[in-house]
């Protein structure tokens, strides 16, 4: 069963914006921490942002001031708003749940051109 399904990836120009969504099922979403990671070709998967069940957020230094993670418990959905995109943001972006339920989505491609 797919517990996490990402959407919203695609092509953007440098300086542009994209909004990623992750729809969750099979968990009590309101008590589950959520996060976004990304992986570029030839690189390790890295943490982008996390949000606790209470709404506390943490960001990688590389995206601070540009990306915003949020959640809508009524919709069982977590979002990643990406502004001021850079070519180095190009990667597959993965949604994950961080506990008490532990799942990974299949990922969505984000490509930022110069």
Protein backbone atom coordinates (compact mmCIF):
# COMPACT_ATOMS: atom_id res chain seq x y z
CA UNK A 1 0.00 0.00 0.00
CA UNK A 2 1.21 3.52 -0.80
CA UNK A 3 1.00 5.45 2.45
CA UNK A 4 2.57 8.64 1.09
CA UNK A 5 2.04 10.08 -2.40
CA UNK A 6 3.93 13.17 -3.58
CA UNK A 7 2.80 15.56 -6.29
CA UNK A 8 3.64 18.99 -7.65
CA UNK A 9 7.10 18.41 -9.04
CA UNK A 10 8.13 19.56 -12.47
CA UNK A 11 10.23 22.09 -14.32
CA UNK A 12 11.04 25.57 -13.10
CA UNK A 13 13.42 28.34 -14.01
CA UNK A 14 15.97 29.70 -11.59
CA UNK A 15 14.22 32.18 -9.34
CA UNK A 16 10.86 30.51 -9.80
CA UNK A 17 8.61 28.61 -7.41
CA UNK A 18 7.03 25.20 -6.98
CA UNK A 19 4.73 23.76 -4.33
CA UNK A 20 5.01 20.08 -3.47
CA UNK A 21 2.22 18.14 -1.75
CA UNK A 22 2.27 14.82 0.08
CA UNK A 23 -0.98 13.04 0.82
CA UNK A 24 -0.87 10.57 3.71
CA UNK A 25 -3.02 7.54 4.44
CA UNK A 26 -2.84 4.61 6.84
CA UNK A 27 -1.69 6.63 9.83
CA UNK A 28 -2.94 8.95 12.50
CA UNK A 29 -1.59 11.96 10.66
CA UNK A 30 -2.18 14.54 13.38
CA UNK A 31 0.31 12.88 15.76
CA UNK A 32 2.92 12.05 13.11
CA UNK A 33 6.01 14.10 12.38
CA UNK A 34 6.62 14.67 8.67
CA UNK A 35 9.57 15.60 6.52
CA UNK A 36 10.96 16.19 3.06
CA UNK A 37 14.26 14.84 1.75
CA UNK A 38 15.88 15.11 -1.66
CA UNK A 39 18.41 13.18 -3.68
CA UNK A 40 20.32 14.41 -6.71
CA UNK A 41 22.06 11.98 -9.09
CA UNK A 42 25.31 10.73 -7.60
CA UNK A 43 24.62 12.30 -4.22
CA UNK A 44 23.37 11.10 -0.86
CA UNK A 45 19.78 11.65 0.15
CA UNK A 46 19.65 14.72 2.35
CA UNK A 47 17.17 16.25 4.75
CA UNK A 48 15.40 19.35 3.45
CA UNK A 49 12.83 20.17 6.13
CA UNK A 50 10.84 18.60 8.94
CA UNK A 51 7.69 19.56 10.78
CA UNK A 52 6.57 18.05 14.06
CA UNK A 53 3.03 17.11 14.95
CA UNK A 54 2.87 20.38 16.86
CA UNK A 55 4.09 22.47 13.93
CA UNK A 56 7.72 23.03 14.91
CA UNK A 57 9.88 23.30 11.78
CA UNK A 58 13.54 22.70 10.97
CA UNK A 59 15.33 23.42 7.68
CA UNK A 60 18.60 22.57 6.04
CA UNK A 61 20.89 25.59 5.85
CA UNK A 62 20.80 25.44 2.06
CA UNK A 63 17.06 26.15 1.91
CA UNK A 64 16.49 28.46 4.87
CA UNK A 65 14.62 31.58 3.85
CA UNK A 66 13.52 30.03 0.56
CA UNK A 67 11.51 26.89 1.44
CA UNK A 68 8.59 26.54 3.83
CA UNK A 69 7.17 23.27 5.16
CA UNK A 70 3.60 23.22 6.42
CA UNK A 71 0.84 20.76 7.18
CA UNK A 72 -2.94 20.63 7.00
CA UNK A 73 -4.17 17.98 9.40
CA UNK A 74 -7.74 18.26 8.11
CA UNK A 75 -6.47 17.15 4.69
CA UNK A 76 -3.80 14.70 5.91
CA UNK A 77 -1.33 16.58 3.73
CA UNK A 78 2.12 18.11 4.15
CA UNK A 79 3.45 20.77 1.78
CA UNK A 80 6.79 22.16 0.71
CA UNK A 81 6.65 25.65 -0.77
CA UNK A 82 9.85 26.28 -2.72
CA UNK A 83 10.69 29.85 -3.70
CA UNK A 84 13.77 31.43 -5.28
CA UNK A 85 14.70 28.10 -6.79
CA UNK A 86 18.29 27.42 -7.78
CA UNK A 87 19.72 24.84 -10.20
CA UNK A 88 21.27 23.05 -7.22
CA UNK A 89 17.75 22.36 -5.93
CA UNK A 90 17.32 19.88 -8.79
CA UNK A 91 16.63 16.47 -7.25
CA UNK A 92 14.00 13.86 -6.55
CA UNK A 93 12.05 15.01 -3.52
CA UNK A 94 10.71 12.42 -1.09
CA UNK A 95 8.08 12.76 1.59
CA UNK A 96 8.47 10.74 4.76
CA UNK A 97 6.69 10.18 8.03
CA UNK A 98 8.92 10.32 11.09
CA UNK A 99 6.98 8.57 13.81
CA UNK A 100 5.09 6.88 15.23
CA UNK A 101 4.56 5.74 11.62
CA UNK A 102 7.60 5.31 9.36
CA UNK A 103 7.02 5.42 5.59
CA UNK A 104 8.58 6.87 2.45
CA UNK A 105 6.90 8.14 -0.68
CA UNK A 106 8.04 7.26 -4.19
CA UNK A 107 9.38 10.74 -4.89
CA UNK A 108 8.68 13.54 -7.32
CA UNK A 109 11.21 15.08 -9.71
CA UNK A 110 12.08 18.76 -9.42
CA UNK A 111 14.25 20.23 -12.18
CA UNK A 112 15.48 23.83 -12.07
CA UNK A 113 17.08 25.27 -15.18
CA UNK A 114 19.54 28.14 -15.41
